[in-house]
Structure formats: C-alpha cells, structure tokens
C-alpha cells in the first residue's frame, strides 16, 4: 500500500512540475520604441495576459537595436518597425515577421518657428536611426513636400522618441519624425504638425522572431501570438484599465493626453494584426527605386502569418 501511495505521489509531483513548467515558459521580447504600435508589449506584460498564456515574458527596451538582439539570441521576439527585419532578411539573416501593422504611423512635427514645409530647407530633422521606420517616415514626408533628404534637409540620428522631442526643445533639430500617438503631446508642447503619413501603405510595425526559433518552438510562438491577440481584445474591452496602465508606462497623469493615446491605440490595431504582402511590397518598391534592391523579391519570404490564422480560426470556432 505504501509503495502505491509513493508511486501516486511521485506521478502527481511530476504532473504538477511538468505542467507548471509548461505553463510558464521564460521568454524575452524586445521593443524599440514607446510608440503605441510597440507599447502593446509592455501592456501585455503588465496586464498579465502573456503570463495567462503560459509565457513568463521579460520585456526589454532596446531602442533601434531589436534586430541585433534577435539575431544574437538575446531575445526571442521583437516589436519593431518593418524596415529593419526586411533589410536583415535581404541580408541573409534568419528573421521572419509573424504579425504587424500596414500603415506608416508617423507624423512630421516641427518647432513653433517652422510654420510650413519650405521653412525646413537648410534645417535639421531628427530620426531614430537610419533604416528605421522613423527614418522612412521622415523621407516619405519630405518627398511629399518635394524636399530631398541630406540635400535640402539634413537627417540627424537622435535615438528614441524622448530624444527626438528633446532635440526639438533644445534646438538641436528643427523637426522630427514621431509616431502618430504622440500627436496630442506634440501639440501640447507647441509643436506644429507638418504632415501625417497614416494613409501611406507601409510595414509600419512588425512582430518578429527567427525561423530557427519558430521551427524549434512552434507552441511557444503560437502562445505568443495568441497573447498578442488577447492584449488587443483587452485594450478594446477594458478602456479604464488600459488607460491606467498607459499612465504607468508613459509616466503621465494628464487625462487628456492619456485619453488621446488610448483612442489612437484602439484605432491603430485591428483584432488580428496581419501584415500584408502589399505593405511589404511598398517598402521593397522604395528599395528598388533607390537602387538598393538588385532584383525583384517575393514578399512572402519575409513573413509567416500561419500562427495568426490558426489563432483566429480557433477563436471563431470557440465563439460559434
């Protein structure tokens, strides 16, 4: 009898330990900006939604270096603008986009003294780093004004959103490319909004992993994508809780700014954030026009939407 009890206790302990381990898989994920398209990661961690899906997530803030961290194995997932992972893949790196947004969520803002686009001639515009979404956001905005980067206007690498805003305030630059979610804050600081690129089809934000991690850890990737979708649902269903978390993340108490951020966040994310072939192709076309792409490339090589489709289908089946 005692032997049977011992065996039973052993199997029970094994079950608890094994399911507990499976329930909390340690994962590191990076985000390179406090823009709303990427702040969805710390929102998911602080709300406990990723943890509910069995992932013990450590969110790591890495401004402009998310691809390097991913390739180096320092993180398993990265939230970043579309250009860096596409450029990395073109360079032979093992990266793949598993979700994303298809608009260029970038505004070009200027100091109060800059009233119109022509006032930028001979001036400095702040971006994060060359090759990032902020960089292309600035270039596309300048192109709309028929201004040439590094000829009519000098682009200066400043770093993250805080650094770019600080650059305008200090006079280091005269304008900067920011995410659309910063519009209300920029206006409160007295900046002028020169243009909004929200209508431009572009891989504005992506969720990225590596093919090697994806192939070896398909269940972890599925849990991560499922968690992402549930965070989006949480944001749309729990406005007050989300605003409370946004206050903590941005360290802001101004209700009007937080309210505008929340509204922008809700409008930014579809229920299922599929990156599209056309969005990726739009960036490839820019590279082709600039002579940086030597041959036409299939947009499918950069993405894998199968996990998102699987999560969507499971939810639809469950809600029938």
Protein backbone atom coordinates (compact mmCIF):
# COMPACT_ATOMS: atom_id res chain seq x y z
CA UNK A 1 0.00 0.00 0.00
CA UNK A 2 2.80 2.41 0.91
CA UNK A 3 4.52 1.60 -2.42
CA UNK A 4 1.33 2.51 -4.31
CA UNK A 5 0.98 5.78 -2.36
CA UNK A 6 4.59 6.68 -3.07
CA UNK A 7 4.14 5.97 -6.77
CA UNK A 8 0.96 8.05 -6.85
CA UNK A 9 2.68 10.92 -5.04
CA UNK A 10 5.59 10.74 -7.49
CA UNK A 11 3.35 10.93 -10.55
CA UNK A 12 1.32 13.77 -9.02
CA UNK A 13 4.50 15.72 -8.28
CA UNK A 14 5.78 15.05 -11.81
CA UNK A 15 2.48 16.25 -13.27
CA UNK A 16 2.49 19.47 -11.22
CA UNK A 17 6.09 20.25 -12.06
CA UNK A 18 5.76 19.45 -15.75
CA UNK A 19 2.54 21.40 -16.28
CA UNK A 20 3.82 24.28 -14.19
CA UNK A 21 6.97 24.45 -16.29
CA UNK A 22 4.92 24.31 -19.47
CA UNK A 23 2.60 26.96 -18.11
CA UNK A 24 5.40 29.48 -17.59
CA UNK A 25 7.93 29.31 -20.40
CA UNK A 26 10.62 32.00 -19.93
CA UNK A 27 10.76 34.27 -22.98
CA UNK A 28 12.47 37.59 -23.67
CA UNK A 29 10.85 40.07 -26.05
CA UNK A 30 12.15 43.49 -27.07
CA UNK A 31 10.53 46.72 -28.14
CA UNK A 32 12.41 49.62 -29.60
CA UNK A 33 10.02 52.48 -29.05
CA UNK A 34 7.33 53.80 -26.73
CA UNK A 35 5.19 54.36 -29.81
CA UNK A 36 1.71 52.86 -29.47
CA UNK A 37 2.42 50.17 -32.05
CA UNK A 38 5.10 48.72 -29.75
CA UNK A 39 3.83 49.67 -26.32
CA UNK A 40 1.38 46.79 -26.79
CA UNK A 41 4.18 44.53 -25.47
CA UNK A 42 4.61 46.11 -22.01
CA UNK A 43 0.81 46.46 -21.87
CA UNK A 44 0.51 42.71 -22.35
CA UNK A 45 3.10 42.00 -19.67
CA UNK A 46 1.64 44.43 -17.11
CA UNK A 47 -1.91 43.15 -17.70
CA UNK A 48 -0.77 39.54 -17.15
CA UNK A 49 -2.18 38.35 -20.47
CA UNK A 50 1.02 36.82 -21.82
CA UNK A 51 1.51 35.08 -18.47
CA UNK A 52 -2.03 33.69 -18.69
CA UNK A 53 -0.97 32.09 -21.97
CA UNK A 54 1.92 30.31 -20.30
CA UNK A 55 4.74 32.71 -21.11
CA UNK A 56 6.92 34.27 -18.45
CA UNK A 57 7.79 37.33 -20.53
CA UNK A 58 10.63 39.68 -19.80
CA UNK A 59 10.09 42.80 -21.91
CA UNK A 60 13.33 44.54 -22.86
CA UNK A 61 13.51 48.11 -24.13
CA UNK A 62 16.16 48.30 -26.86
CA UNK A 63 15.94 51.49 -28.90
CA UNK A 64 16.92 50.84 -32.52
CA UNK A 65 18.75 47.56 -31.82
CA UNK A 66 15.94 44.99 -31.77
CA UNK A 67 17.10 43.10 -34.86
CA UNK A 68 20.62 42.70 -33.49
CA UNK A 69 19.26 41.43 -30.18
CA UNK A 70 17.02 38.95 -32.00
CA UNK A 71 19.73 37.62 -34.29
CA UNK A 72 22.16 37.39 -31.39
CA UNK A 73 19.69 35.27 -29.40
CA UNK A 74 19.35 37.83 -26.61
CA UNK A 75 15.58 37.93 -27.22
CA UNK A 76 13.16 35.51 -28.88
CA UNK A 77 10.65 38.09 -30.16
CA UNK A 78 10.94 41.70 -31.20
CA UNK A 79 8.47 44.52 -31.78
CA UNK A 80 9.97 46.89 -34.34
CA UNK A 81 9.31 48.91 -37.46
CA UNK A 82 9.11 46.96 -40.71
CA UNK A 83 12.31 48.15 -42.47
CA UNK A 84 14.91 46.62 -40.09
CA UNK A 85 13.70 42.98 -40.30
CA UNK A 86 13.10 43.24 -44.06
CA UNK A 87 16.59 44.66 -44.60
CA UNK A 88 18.03 41.97 -42.31
CA UNK A 89 16.25 39.22 -44.26
CA UNK A 90 17.55 40.66 -47.53
CA UNK A 91 20.99 40.47 -45.96
CA UNK A 92 20.55 36.75 -45.34
CA UNK A 93 19.59 36.97 -41.67
CA UNK A 94 17.26 34.38 -40.10
CA UNK A 95 14.27 36.61 -39.29
CA UNK A 96 10.56 36.29 -40.03
CA UNK A 97 7.57 38.58 -39.43
CA UNK A 98 4.65 36.88 -37.64
CA UNK A 99 2.30 39.88 -37.22
CA UNK A 100 2.25 43.60 -37.91
CA UNK A 101 0.56 46.83 -38.95
CA UNK A 102 0.24 48.07 -42.51
CA UNK A 103 0.21 51.85 -42.21
CA UNK A 104 3.03 54.33 -41.74
CA UNK A 105 2.07 55.61 -38.30
CA UNK A 106 4.44 58.56 -38.48
CA UNK A 107 3.97 62.31 -38.22
CA UNK A 108 6.49 65.02 -39.00
CA UNK A 109 6.43 67.68 -36.28
CA UNK A 110 8.39 70.90 -36.07
CA UNK A 111 9.40 73.61 -33.64
CA UNK A 112 6.97 76.56 -33.37
CA UNK A 113 9.23 78.65 -35.62
CA UNK A 114 8.78 76.22 -38.52
CA UNK A 115 5.34 77.05 -39.91
CA UNK A 116 5.41 75.29 -43.27
CA UNK A 117 7.41 72.66 -45.14
CA UNK A 118 9.51 75.16 -47.09
CA UNK A 119 10.81 76.53 -43.76
CA UNK A 120 12.69 73.24 -43.35
CA UNK A 121 15.11 73.98 -46.19
CA UNK A 122 18.62 74.03 -44.74
CA UNK A 123 17.35 72.76 -41.37
CA UNK A 124 17.84 69.56 -39.34
CA UNK A 125 15.25 66.79 -38.87
CA UNK A 126 15.59 64.20 -36.11
CA UNK A 127 15.05 60.49 -36.69
CA UNK A 128 15.83 57.46 -34.53
CA UNK A 129 18.40 55.63 -36.70
CA UNK A 130 18.96 55.27 -40.42
CA UNK A 131 16.96 52.38 -41.89
CA UNK A 132 14.18 52.55 -39.28
CA UNK A 133 10.50 53.41 -39.66
CA UNK A 134 11.16 56.91 -38.30
CA UNK A 135 13.81 57.39 -40.98
CA UNK A 136 11.49 56.33 -43.80
CA UNK A 137 8.64 58.28 -42.22
CA UNK A 138 10.74 61.44 -42.47
CA UNK A 139 11.89 60.65 -46.02
CA UNK A 140 8.36 59.97 -47.26
CA UNK A 141 7.08 63.16 -45.60
CA UNK A 142 9.88 65.22 -47.18
CA UNK A 143 9.19 63.62 -50.56
CA UNK A 144 5.58 64.81 -50.26
CA UNK A 145 6.97 68.34 -49.88
CA UNK A 146 9.36 67.82 -52.81
CA UNK A 147 12.33 68.15 -50.47
CA UNK A 148 15.38 65.89 -50.76
CA UNK A 149 16.86 64.36 -47.59
CA UNK A 150 20.52 65.19 -46.98
CA UNK A 151 20.34 67.86 -49.68
CA UNK A 152 17.51 70.25 -48.81
CA UNK A 153 17.20 68.91 -45.26
CA UNK A 154 19.74 67.14 -43.02
CA UNK A 155 18.56 63.99 -41.21
CA UNK A 156 20.11 63.55 -37.77
CA UNK A 157 20.10 60.27 -35.79
CA UNK A 158 18.93 61.08 -32.26
CA UNK A 159 17.52 57.85 -30.84
CA UNK A 160 14.13 57.15 -29.28
CA UNK A 161 11.01 59.32 -29.09
CA UNK A 162 12.10 61.12 -25.92
CA UNK A 163 15.43 62.04 -27.51
CA UNK A 164 13.77 63.37 -30.66
CA UNK A 165 11.30 65.50 -28.73
CA UNK A 166 14.16 66.72 -26.56
CA UNK A 167 16.10 67.53 -29.72
CA UNK A 168 13.39 69.93 -30.88
CA UNK A 169 13.04 71.51 -27.44
CA UNK A 170 16.79 72.09 -27.16
CA UNK A 171 17.16 73.37 -30.72
CA UNK A 172 19.44 70.51 -31.77
CA UNK A 173 16.96 69.81 -34.58
CA UNK A 174 14.13 71.84 -36.06
CA UNK A 175 11.72 68.96 -36.68
CA UNK A 176 11.40 65.24 -36.04
CA UNK A 177 9.57 62.13 -37.15
CA UNK A 178 7.33 60.74 -34.37
CA UNK A 179 4.62 58.10 -34.13
CA UNK A 180 1.03 59.24 -34.59
CA UNK A 181 0.24 58.51 -30.94
CA UNK A 182 2.44 61.46 -29.94
CA UNK A 183 0.29 63.99 -31.82
CA UNK A 184 -1.59 65.29 -28.77
CA UNK A 185 1.60 65.55 -26.72
CA UNK A 186 3.41 67.33 -29.55
CA UNK A 187 0.60 69.89 -29.85
CA UNK A 188 0.67 70.44 -26.09
CA UNK A 189 4.38 71.26 -26.38
CA UNK A 190 3.56 73.85 -29.04
CA UNK A 191 4.95 71.88 -31.99
CA UNK A 192 3.44 72.15 -35.45
CA UNK A 193 2.22 69.03 -37.27
CA UNK A 194 3.58 69.37 -40.80
CA UNK A 195 2.19 66.10 -42.15
CA UNK A 196 0.62 62.79 -41.12
CA UNK A 197 1.61 59.66 -43.05
CA UNK A 198 -1.12 57.40 -41.63
CA UNK A 199 -2.60 56.90 -45.11
CA UNK A 200 0.66 55.54 -46.56
CA UNK A 201 0.70 51.76 -47.06
CA UNK A 202 3.86 50.56 -45.38
CA UNK A 203 5.03 47.87 -42.90
CA UNK A 204 4.88 50.41 -40.08
CA UNK A 205 5.32 47.92 -37.26
CA UNK A 206 6.14 44.22 -37.11
CA UNK A 207 6.37 41.41 -34.60
CA UNK A 208 9.42 39.35 -35.45
CA UNK A 209 11.13 36.12 -34.46
CA UNK A 210 13.69 33.88 -36.12
CA UNK A 211 12.94 30.91 -38.36
CA UNK A 212 15.14 28.70 -36.21
CA UNK A 213 13.24 29.61 -33.02
CA UNK A 214 9.90 29.29 -34.81
CA UNK A 215 10.70 25.82 -36.13
CA UNK A 216 12.01 24.57 -32.78
CA UNK A 217 9.33 26.19 -30.59
CA UNK A 218 6.11 26.30 -32.56
CA UNK A 219 3.91 26.02 -29.46
CA UNK A 220 5.70 28.96 -27.80
CA UNK A 221 5.23 31.08 -30.91
CA UNK A 222 1.55 30.20 -31.03
CA UNK A 223 1.13 31.17 -27.36
CA UNK A 224 2.88 34.46 -28.03
CA UNK A 225 0.65 35.30 -30.99
CA UNK A 226 -2.43 34.24 -29.03
CA UNK A 227 -1.33 36.51 -26.18
CA UNK A 228 -0.86 39.40 -28.61
CA UNK A 229 -4.39 38.99 -29.95
CA UNK A 230 -5.80 38.83 -26.42
CA UNK A 231 -3.94 42.02 -25.46
CA UNK A 232 -5.60 43.80 -28.39
CA UNK A 233 -9.00 42.49 -27.28
CA UNK A 234 -8.25 43.60 -23.70
CA UNK A 235 -7.35 47.13 -24.83
CA UNK A 236 -10.62 47.49 -26.73
CA UNK A 237 -12.79 45.98 -23.98
CA UNK A 238 -11.13 47.47 -20.87
CA UNK A 239 -10.66 51.18 -21.52
CA UNK A 240 -10.14 52.30 -17.91
CA UNK A 241 -7.73 49.51 -17.05
CA UNK A 242 -5.77 50.18 -20.23
CA UNK A 243 -5.59 53.92 -19.51
CA UNK A 244 -4.32 53.12 -16.02
CA UNK A 245 -1.54 51.01 -17.48
CA UNK A 246 -0.69 53.66 -20.07
CA UNK A 247 -0.28 56.21 -17.27
CA UNK A 248 2.29 53.95 -15.61
CA UNK A 249 4.14 53.11 -18.83
CA UNK A 250 4.35 56.72 -20.03
CA UNK A 251 4.61 58.15 -16.51
CA UNK A 252 1.93 60.65 -17.42
CA UNK A 253 -1.08 61.73 -15.42
CA UNK A 254 -2.61 64.17 -17.92
CA UNK A 255 -6.03 62.64 -18.59
CA UNK A 256 -6.47 64.36 -21.98
CA UNK A 257 -3.15 63.07 -23.34
CA UNK A 258 -3.76 59.56 -21.99
CA UNK A 259 -7.27 59.62 -23.44
CA UNK A 260 -5.96 60.58 -26.88
CA UNK A 261 -3.26 57.92 -26.66
CA UNK A 262 -5.91 55.35 -25.82
CA UNK A 263 -8.13 56.39 -28.74
CA UNK A 264 -5.17 56.22 -31.11
CA UNK A 265 -4.20 52.79 -29.78
CA UNK A 266 -7.70 51.39 -30.32
CA UNK A 267 -7.88 52.72 -33.88
CA UNK A 268 -4.36 51.52 -34.68
CA UNK A 269 -4.80 47.79 -34.06
CA UNK A 270 -7.19 45.51 -35.93
CA UNK A 271 -8.44 42.48 -33.98
CA UNK A 272 -5.99 40.27 -35.89
CA UNK A 273 -2.84 42.19 -36.93
CA UNK A 274 -1.92 40.56 -40.23
CA UNK A 275 0.94 42.12 -42.13
CA UNK A 276 0.04 42.22 -45.83
CA UNK A 277 2.05 41.42 -48.93
CA UNK A 278 1.21 44.86 -50.32
CA UNK A 279 2.63 46.64 -47.26
CA UNK A 280 5.91 44.74 -47.52
CA UNK A 281 5.95 45.25 -51.27
CA UNK A 282 5.59 49.00 -50.81
CA UNK A 283 8.87 49.06 -48.90
CA UNK A 284 10.56 46.76 -51.42
CA UNK A 285 9.47 49.18 -54.15
CA UNK A 286 11.17 52.03 -52.28
CA UNK A 287 14.38 49.99 -52.07
CA UNK A 288 14.09 49.21 -55.79
CA UNK A 289 13.65 52.89 -56.66
CA UNK A 290 16.66 53.79 -54.51
CA UNK A 291 18.78 51.17 -56.24
CA UNK A 292 19.25 49.19 -53.02
CA UNK A 293 17.44 46.13 -54.36
CA UNK A 294 19.08 44.41 -57.33
CA UNK A 295 16.23 42.07 -58.22
CA UNK A 296 12.51 41.79 -57.60
CA UNK A 297 11.75 39.82 -54.43
CA UNK A 298 8.66 37.89 -53.33
CA UNK A 299 7.14 39.48 -50.22
CA UNK A 300 6.18 36.03 -48.87
CA UNK A 301 9.80 35.29 -47.96
CA UNK A 302 9.62 37.86 -45.16
CA UNK A 303 6.54 36.65 -43.29
CA UNK A 304 4.62 33.73 -41.81
CA UNK A 305 1.00 34.50 -40.92
CA UNK A 306 0.06 30.86 -40.23
CA UNK A 307 0.12 31.27 -36.43
CA UNK A 308 -2.16 34.29 -36.55
CA UNK A 309 -4.54 32.45 -38.88
CA UNK A 310 -4.56 29.46 -36.53
CA UNK A 311 -5.35 31.68 -33.52
CA UNK A 312 -8.13 33.47 -35.42
CA UNK A 313 -9.70 30.22 -36.60
CA UNK A 314 -9.60 28.74 -33.07
CA UNK A 315 -11.35 31.83 -31.68
CA UNK A 316 -14.00 31.74 -34.38
CA UNK A 317 -14.65 28.05 -33.70
CA UNK A 318 -14.91 28.75 -29.98
CA UNK A 319 -17.38 31.60 -30.50
CA UNK A 320 -19.75 29.65 -32.73
